[in-house]
Amino acid sequence: MQYVLAAVGMAGMSVLLWKALRPQRPAARSVLAPDDDPEFLRGLSSRRQQPGEER
């Protein structure tokens, strides 16, 4: 029984050490939908077609 507990403890310690010491990946940049993009929303009024104005 002691060997089983020691094996479980060693496995747990191995996982913790692996997570602590592995190289960190750069954070993925999230993609914003157009309705969530502040720059899109700012320029929306300038893109809106005025009445009587043709494109």
C-alpha atoms as a PDB file:
ATOM      1  CA  MET A   1       0.000   0.000   0.000  1.00  0.00           C
ATOM      2  CA  GLN A   2       2.869   2.359   0.745  1.00  0.00           C
ATOM      3  CA  TYR A   3       4.268   1.800  -2.744  1.00  0.00           C
ATOM      4  CA  VAL A   4       0.935   2.766  -4.337  1.00  0.00           C
ATOM      5  CA  LEU A   5       0.737   5.965  -2.287  1.00  0.00           C
ATOM      6  CA  ALA A   6       4.363   6.769  -3.126  1.00  0.00           C
ATOM      7  CA  ALA A   7       3.678   6.215  -6.843  1.00  0.00           C
ATOM      8  CA  VAL A   8       0.600   8.460  -6.745  1.00  0.00           C
ATOM      9  CA  GLY A   9       2.555  11.124  -4.854  1.00  0.00           C
ATOM     10  CA  MET A  10       5.444  10.983  -7.329  1.00  0.00           C
ATOM     11  CA  ALA A  11       3.035  11.217 -10.263  1.00  0.00           C
ATOM     12  CA  GLY A  12       1.352  14.248  -8.703  1.00  0.00           C
ATOM     13  CA  MET A  13       4.676  15.945  -8.042  1.00  0.00           C
ATOM     14  CA  SER A  14       5.804  15.203 -11.595  1.00  0.00           C
ATOM     15  CA  VAL A  15       2.689  16.830 -13.049  1.00  0.00           C
ATOM     16  CA  LEU A  16       3.083  19.912 -10.855  1.00  0.00           C
ATOM     17  CA  LEU A  17       6.762  20.295 -11.766  1.00  0.00           C
ATOM     18  CA  TRP A  18       6.034  19.810 -15.467  1.00  0.00           C
ATOM     19  CA  LYS A  19       3.343  22.510 -15.400  1.00  0.00           C
ATOM     20  CA  ALA A  20       5.571  24.896 -13.451  1.00  0.00           C
ATOM     21  CA  LEU A  21       8.701  24.468 -15.558  1.00  0.00           C
ATOM     22  CA  ARG A  22       7.411  24.032 -19.107  1.00  0.00           C
ATOM     23  CA  PRO A  23       8.002  26.880 -21.593  1.00  0.00           C
ATOM     24  CA  GLN A  24       5.138  29.343 -21.689  1.00  0.00           C
ATOM     25  CA  ARG A  25       3.276  29.861 -24.951  1.00  0.00           C
ATOM     26  CA  PRO A  26       2.373  33.394 -25.969  1.00  0.00           C
ATOM     27  CA  ALA A  27      -1.248  34.240 -25.300  1.00  0.00           C
ATOM     28  CA  ALA A  28      -3.496  33.813 -28.307  1.00  0.00           C
ATOM     29  CA  ARG A  29      -4.906  37.070 -29.601  1.00  0.00           C
ATOM     30  CA  SER A  30      -8.659  36.991 -29.535  1.00  0.00           C
ATOM     31  CA  VAL A  31     -10.570  37.934 -32.654  1.00  0.00           C
ATOM     32  CA  LEU A  32     -13.293  40.513 -32.233  1.00  0.00           C
ATOM     33  CA  ALA A  33     -16.498  40.402 -34.201  1.00  0.00           C
ATOM     34  CA  PRO A  34     -17.296  43.639 -36.054  1.00  0.00           C
ATOM     35  CA  ASP A  35     -20.020  44.563 -33.580  1.00  0.00           C
ATOM     36  CA  ASP A  36     -17.505  44.246 -30.695  1.00  0.00           C
ATOM     37  CA  ASP A  37     -14.631  46.094 -32.408  1.00  0.00           C
ATOM     38  CA  PRO A  38     -14.374  49.669 -31.032  1.00  0.00           C
ATOM     39  CA  GLU A  39     -12.670  51.009 -34.168  1.00  0.00           C
ATOM     40  CA  PHE A  40     -15.396  49.585 -36.389  1.00  0.00           C
ATOM     41  CA  LEU A  41     -18.084  51.146 -34.222  1.00  0.00           C
ATOM     42  CA  ARG A  42     -16.326  54.543 -34.241  1.00  0.00           C
ATOM     43  CA  GLY A  43     -16.156  54.591 -38.042  1.00  0.00           C
ATOM     44  CA  LEU A  44     -19.684  53.301 -38.523  1.00  0.00           C
ATOM     45  CA  SER A  45     -21.334  56.720 -38.537  1.00  0.00           C
ATOM     46  CA  SER A  46     -18.938  57.999 -41.201  1.00  0.00           C
ATOM     47  CA  ARG A  47     -19.699  54.976 -43.390  1.00  0.00           C
ATOM     48  CA  ARG A  48     -23.464  55.381 -43.095  1.00  0.00           C
ATOM     49  CA  GLN A  49     -25.043  56.629 -46.275  1.00  0.00           C
ATOM     50  CA  GLN A  50     -26.777  60.001 -45.943  1.00  0.00           C
ATOM     51  CA  PRO A  51     -30.281  60.454 -47.421  1.00  0.00           C
ATOM     52  CA  GLY A  52     -30.057  61.880 -50.933  1.00  0.00           C
ATOM     53  CA  GLU A  53     -26.405  60.889 -51.200  1.00  0.00           C
ATOM     54  CA  GLU A  54     -25.488  58.198 -53.704  1.00  0.00           C
ATOM     55  CA  ARG A  55     -22.518  55.913 -53.602  1.00  0.00           C
END
